[in-house]
Protein backbone atom coordinates (compact mmCIF):
# COMPACT_ATOMS: atom_id res chain seq x y z
CA MET A 1 78.17 129.03 124.30
CA ARG A 2 81.39 129.42 126.79
CA LYS A 3 81.61 125.48 126.15
CA TYR A 4 81.36 125.59 122.58
CA ILE A 5 84.05 127.94 122.32
CA ALA A 6 86.12 126.33 124.51
CA THR A 7 85.80 123.41 122.43
CA LEU A 8 86.78 125.17 119.41
CA LEU A 9 90.04 126.81 121.47
CA MET A 10 91.12 123.03 122.78
CA PHE A 11 91.29 121.71 119.10
CA PHE A 12 93.12 124.92 118.03
CA THR A 13 95.46 124.39 120.86
CA VAL A 14 95.94 120.62 120.03
CA GLY A 15 96.84 121.69 116.55
CA SER A 16 99.19 124.37 117.60
CA ILE A 17 100.99 122.24 120.22
CA PHE A 18 101.15 119.22 117.48
CA ALA A 19 102.81 121.82 114.96
CA GLN A 20 105.58 122.61 117.55
CA VAL A 21 106.31 118.98 118.01
CA ASP A 22 106.44 118.64 113.96
CA SER A 23 108.87 121.88 113.78
CA LEU A 24 111.46 119.64 116.39
CA GLU A 25 111.16 116.40 114.43
CA PHE A 26 113.53 115.80 111.64
CA LYS A 27 110.78 115.01 108.82
CA PRO A 28 110.07 118.14 106.99
CA LYS A 29 106.65 119.84 107.63
CA LYS A 30 103.70 118.61 105.41
CA GLN A 31 101.74 121.99 105.76
CA LEU A 32 100.00 120.88 108.79
CA PHE A 33 97.82 123.99 108.85
CA LYS A 34 96.42 123.43 105.55
CA LYS A 35 95.51 119.74 106.48
CA THR A 36 93.25 121.12 109.43
CA ILE A 37 91.69 123.85 107.63
CA LEU A 38 88.73 121.71 106.68
CA PRO A 39 87.93 120.03 109.91
CA LEU A 40 88.50 123.14 112.06
CA SER A 41 85.84 124.90 109.44
CA LEU A 42 83.61 122.35 109.86
CA LEU A 43 83.77 122.38 113.67
CA THR A 44 83.82 126.17 113.75
CA THR A 45 80.58 126.10 111.58
CA GLY A 46 78.68 123.58 113.71
CA ILE A 47 79.43 125.54 116.83
CA LEU A 48 77.99 128.85 115.18
CA LEU A 49 74.93 126.98 114.07
CA SER A 50 74.39 125.00 117.25
CA ASP A 51 71.02 126.34 118.65
CA SER A 52 70.41 128.92 115.97
CA GLY A 53 67.22 129.98 114.02
CA PHE A 54 68.42 128.42 110.87
CA GLU A 55 69.42 124.85 112.36
CA GLN A 56 65.91 124.68 113.75
CA SER A 57 64.23 125.73 110.28
CA LEU A 58 66.51 123.31 108.49
CA HIS A 59 65.91 120.67 110.96
CA GLU A 60 62.02 121.37 110.36
CA THR A 61 62.32 120.81 106.51
CA ALA A 62 64.55 117.80 106.78
CA GLN A 63 61.95 116.27 108.81
CA GLY A 64 58.89 117.28 106.41
CA TRP A 65 60.79 115.92 103.58
CA VAL A 66 60.80 112.50 105.28
CA GLY A 67 58.03 112.49 107.58
CA ASN A 68 57.98 112.27 111.50
CA ASP A 69 57.54 108.61 111.59
CA PHE A 70 60.69 108.02 109.56
CA ARG A 71 63.16 105.61 111.19
CA THR A 72 66.02 103.57 109.85
CA HIS A 73 69.00 101.77 111.37
CA PHE A 74 71.07 101.87 107.91
CA ASP A 75 73.43 104.31 109.60
CA ASP A 76 74.40 101.92 112.46
CA TYR A 77 75.77 100.14 109.48
CA THR A 78 77.41 102.85 107.12
CA ARG A 79 79.30 104.35 109.91
CA TYR A 80 81.68 101.28 109.35
CA ALA A 81 81.49 100.88 105.77
CA PRO A 82 84.97 102.87 105.37
CA VAL A 83 86.66 100.39 107.71
CA ALA A 84 84.95 97.38 105.55
CA THR A 85 86.29 99.20 102.16
CA LEU A 86 89.81 99.64 103.66
CA PHE A 87 89.64 96.02 104.49
CA ILE A 88 88.10 94.71 100.97
CA ALA A 89 90.39 97.10 98.87
CA ASN A 90 93.59 95.10 101.07
CA VAL A 91 92.20 91.81 100.42
CA VAL A 92 91.47 92.40 96.42
CA GLY A 93 95.20 93.83 96.21
CA VAL A 94 94.36 97.59 95.32
CA LYS A 95 97.88 99.45 96.22
CA ALA A 96 97.78 101.72 98.97
CA LYS A 97 99.70 104.65 100.69
CA ASN A 98 100.94 102.11 103.78
CA HIS A 99 101.43 98.33 104.75
CA TRP A 100 98.19 96.56 105.80
CA PHE A 101 99.93 96.89 109.58
CA ASP A 102 100.62 100.59 109.36
CA GLN A 103 96.77 101.27 108.00
CA THR A 104 95.62 99.10 110.80
CA LYS A 105 97.31 100.77 113.52
CA ASN A 106 96.68 104.62 112.07
CA LEU A 107 92.93 103.53 111.78
CA ALA A 108 92.55 101.95 115.11
CA VAL A 109 94.53 105.00 116.93
CA SER A 110 92.33 107.42 114.80
CA MET A 111 88.95 105.70 115.57
CA ILE A 112 89.74 105.39 119.37
CA LEU A 113 90.97 108.60 120.01
CA THR A 114 87.59 110.26 117.82
CA ASP A 115 85.43 108.07 120.09
CA VAL A 116 87.43 109.29 123.35
CA PHE A 117 87.12 113.05 122.34
CA THR A 118 83.54 112.75 120.94
CA ARG A 119 82.46 110.94 124.46
CA ALA A 120 84.29 113.80 126.30
CA LEU A 121 82.52 116.38 124.45
CA LYS A 122 79.02 114.71 124.51
CA ASN A 123 79.28 114.82 128.38
CA SER A 124 80.53 118.04 128.79
CA ILE A 125 78.19 119.94 126.47
CA TYR A 126 74.64 119.92 127.49
CA LYS A 127 72.48 119.93 124.05
CA ILE A 128 69.38 117.83 123.70
CA ARG A 129 68.64 115.58 121.09
CA PRO A 130 65.97 116.75 118.49
CA ASP A 131 63.56 113.33 119.59
CA GLY A 132 64.60 114.56 123.35
CA SER A 133 65.92 111.05 123.94
CA ASN A 134 68.97 112.32 125.88
CA GLU A 135 71.15 115.49 126.42
CA HIS A 136 74.41 114.36 124.65
CA ALA A 137 73.41 115.59 120.81
CA PHE A 138 76.59 117.31 120.30
CA PRO A 139 78.78 116.22 118.57
CA SER A 140 77.44 113.21 116.73
CA GLY A 141 79.43 110.08 117.40
CA HIS A 142 77.90 108.29 114.39
CA THR A 143 79.29 111.06 112.16
CA SER A 144 82.64 111.61 113.96
CA ILE A 145 83.30 107.89 113.60
CA SER A 146 82.37 107.44 110.33
CA PHE A 147 84.45 110.32 109.23
CA SER A 148 87.53 109.09 111.00
CA SER A 149 87.50 106.17 109.18
CA GLY A 150 86.22 107.85 105.91
CA SER A 151 89.74 109.94 106.26
CA ALA A 152 91.87 106.96 106.90
CA VAL A 153 90.55 105.52 103.34
CA TYR A 154 91.20 108.61 102.17
CA GLU A 155 94.69 109.03 103.01
CA GLU A 156 95.50 105.53 101.84
CA TYR A 157 94.32 105.66 98.30
CA LYS A 158 94.21 109.58 97.46
CA ASP A 159 97.20 108.92 95.20
CA THR A 160 96.33 105.50 93.82
CA ASN A 161 92.48 105.32 93.51
CA VAL A 162 90.62 108.69 93.80
CA TYR A 163 87.20 106.94 93.37
CA LEU A 164 87.83 104.51 96.18
CA ALA A 165 89.37 107.37 98.31
CA TYR A 166 86.50 109.81 98.36
CA SER A 167 83.97 106.61 98.65
CA GLY A 168 84.69 107.03 102.66
CA TYR A 169 83.73 110.28 102.78
CA GLY A 170 80.50 109.63 100.64
CA PHE A 171 79.50 106.67 103.27
CA ALA A 172 80.29 109.03 106.20
CA ALA A 173 78.13 111.79 104.69
CA VAL A 174 75.28 109.19 104.04
CA THR A 175 75.48 108.28 108.06
CA GLY A 176 75.49 112.04 109.05
CA GLY A 177 72.45 112.66 106.67
CA LEU A 178 70.69 109.64 108.06
CA ARG A 179 71.35 110.88 111.65
CA LEU A 180 69.67 114.20 110.86
CA PHE A 181 66.62 112.21 109.04
CA ASN A 182 66.39 109.95 111.90
CA ASN A 183 65.87 112.68 114.32
CA LYS A 184 68.73 112.35 116.29
CA HIS A 185 70.94 115.19 115.93
CA TYR A 186 70.73 118.84 114.19
CA ILE A 187 73.01 119.88 111.36
CA SER A 188 75.26 121.49 114.01
CA ASP A 189 76.00 118.24 115.63
CA ILE A 190 76.82 116.61 112.38
CA LEU A 191 79.16 119.19 110.98
CA ALA A 192 81.16 119.06 114.34
CA GLY A 193 81.11 115.53 114.49
CA ALA A 194 82.72 115.26 110.78
CA GLY A 195 85.16 117.82 111.84
CA VAL A 196 86.35 116.07 115.02
CA GLY A 197 86.80 112.81 112.97
CA ILE A 198 88.64 114.32 110.35
CA LEU A 199 90.67 116.29 112.24
CA VAL A 200 91.82 113.45 114.41
CA THR A 201 92.94 111.39 111.50
CA LYS A 202 94.74 114.03 109.72
CA LEU A 203 96.79 114.56 112.99
CA VAL A 204 97.23 110.57 113.18
CA TYR A 205 98.68 110.39 109.54
CA HIS A 206 100.60 113.51 109.69
CA PHE A 207 102.57 112.23 112.89
CA ASP A 208 102.60 108.87 112.06
CA TYR A 209 106.40 108.44 111.41
CA LEU A 210 106.75 109.14 115.20
CA TRP A 211 105.27 105.65 115.94
CA ARG A 212 106.66 103.87 113.04
CA TRP A 213 107.10 100.06 113.91
CA ASN A 214 105.92 97.20 111.61
CA PRO A 215 106.86 93.55 112.37
CA PHE A 216 104.84 92.14 109.64
CA LEU A 217 106.63 93.79 106.51
CA LYS A 218 108.21 90.34 105.68
CA PHE A 219 104.79 88.65 105.92
CA LYS A 220 102.82 89.95 102.42
CA ASP A 221 100.02 87.36 102.66
CA VAL A 222 98.32 88.45 105.93
CA THR A 223 96.05 90.88 106.44
CA LEU A 224 94.67 92.42 109.65
CA VAL A 225 92.07 95.57 109.87
CA PRO A 226 90.52 96.76 112.80
CA ARG A 227 86.68 96.33 113.84
CA TYR A 228 85.27 99.07 116.01
CA ALA A 229 81.53 98.94 117.33
CA GLN A 230 79.93 100.10 120.26
CA GLY A 231 82.90 100.57 122.16
CA ASN A 232 84.68 97.30 121.48
CA VAL A 233 87.45 96.78 119.39
CA GLY A 234 88.36 93.87 117.31
CA LEU A 235 90.42 92.39 113.99
CA TYR A 236 89.31 91.21 110.77
CA PHE A 237 91.96 88.70 109.93
CA SER A 238 93.12 87.61 106.42
CA LYS A 239 95.64 85.13 105.03
CA SER A 240 96.25 84.27 101.39
CA PHE A 241 97.40 80.65 100.24
C-alpha cells in the first residue's frame, strides 16, 4: 500500500511542478488542474480498489460472464487503434487542432513517456496478475498506451469532430475491458493504466508550446504519424501527389 500511495504522490508532485512551470511562462494558464482531475481520479480509484474484496468479486463476475477459457489477442490491436485513427484522419483531410508534425511529435512523446512511467510502476509495485503469469499487473500497459493515444485523438479533434475525438477513448475502453476478460488484469490495474495514459498526454499537450518547432509547415502534402509497438518506435509515411 505504501508503494501505491507513493505512486499517487509522485503524479501529484509532477502535476504541481508543471503547474509552477506554467506560471512562469508567457502563455496564459489553461486551467491545468481541471485537466488533471479525471486522470488523477482514475489513478486514485485504481489505488484504492487494488487488492480489495470488491475488486476480487468483480473479477470473478467478469470471468463468469465470458468463461475461464476465454482468450483473445484483439486487445493487442485495439491498443494501437487510436494511432491508426489519427493517421487515417490526416490522410482523408479531417481538420485537426495541430499540423501533422506537431500531432506526431505530441503523440510520440506522450506514448513514450507513458510507456516509461508504466514500466517503472510495474517494476516497483509487486502485484500478481489474475492468471498468475507474472507479478507486473499494476498498472495495465495495454490500457495506459491506448488511453495515451486515445487522449491525443481527443485533443486533436474535440473542437472539429466530436465523434472522432471520442473514438480514441472508445478503442481504449475496449482494450481495457478485454484485458479484464482475458484474465490479465484486475479493474484497478485498468483504471490506473487509464489514469497514467490520460495524465501524461494531457500534460504533454498542455505544455506543447515549450517545444514548438515545425520544419514541415511548408510541406502540406506530406504526413508522418508515429507507430509504436512492443517498445519499438516507427513512422507511417504518406505523400499526396
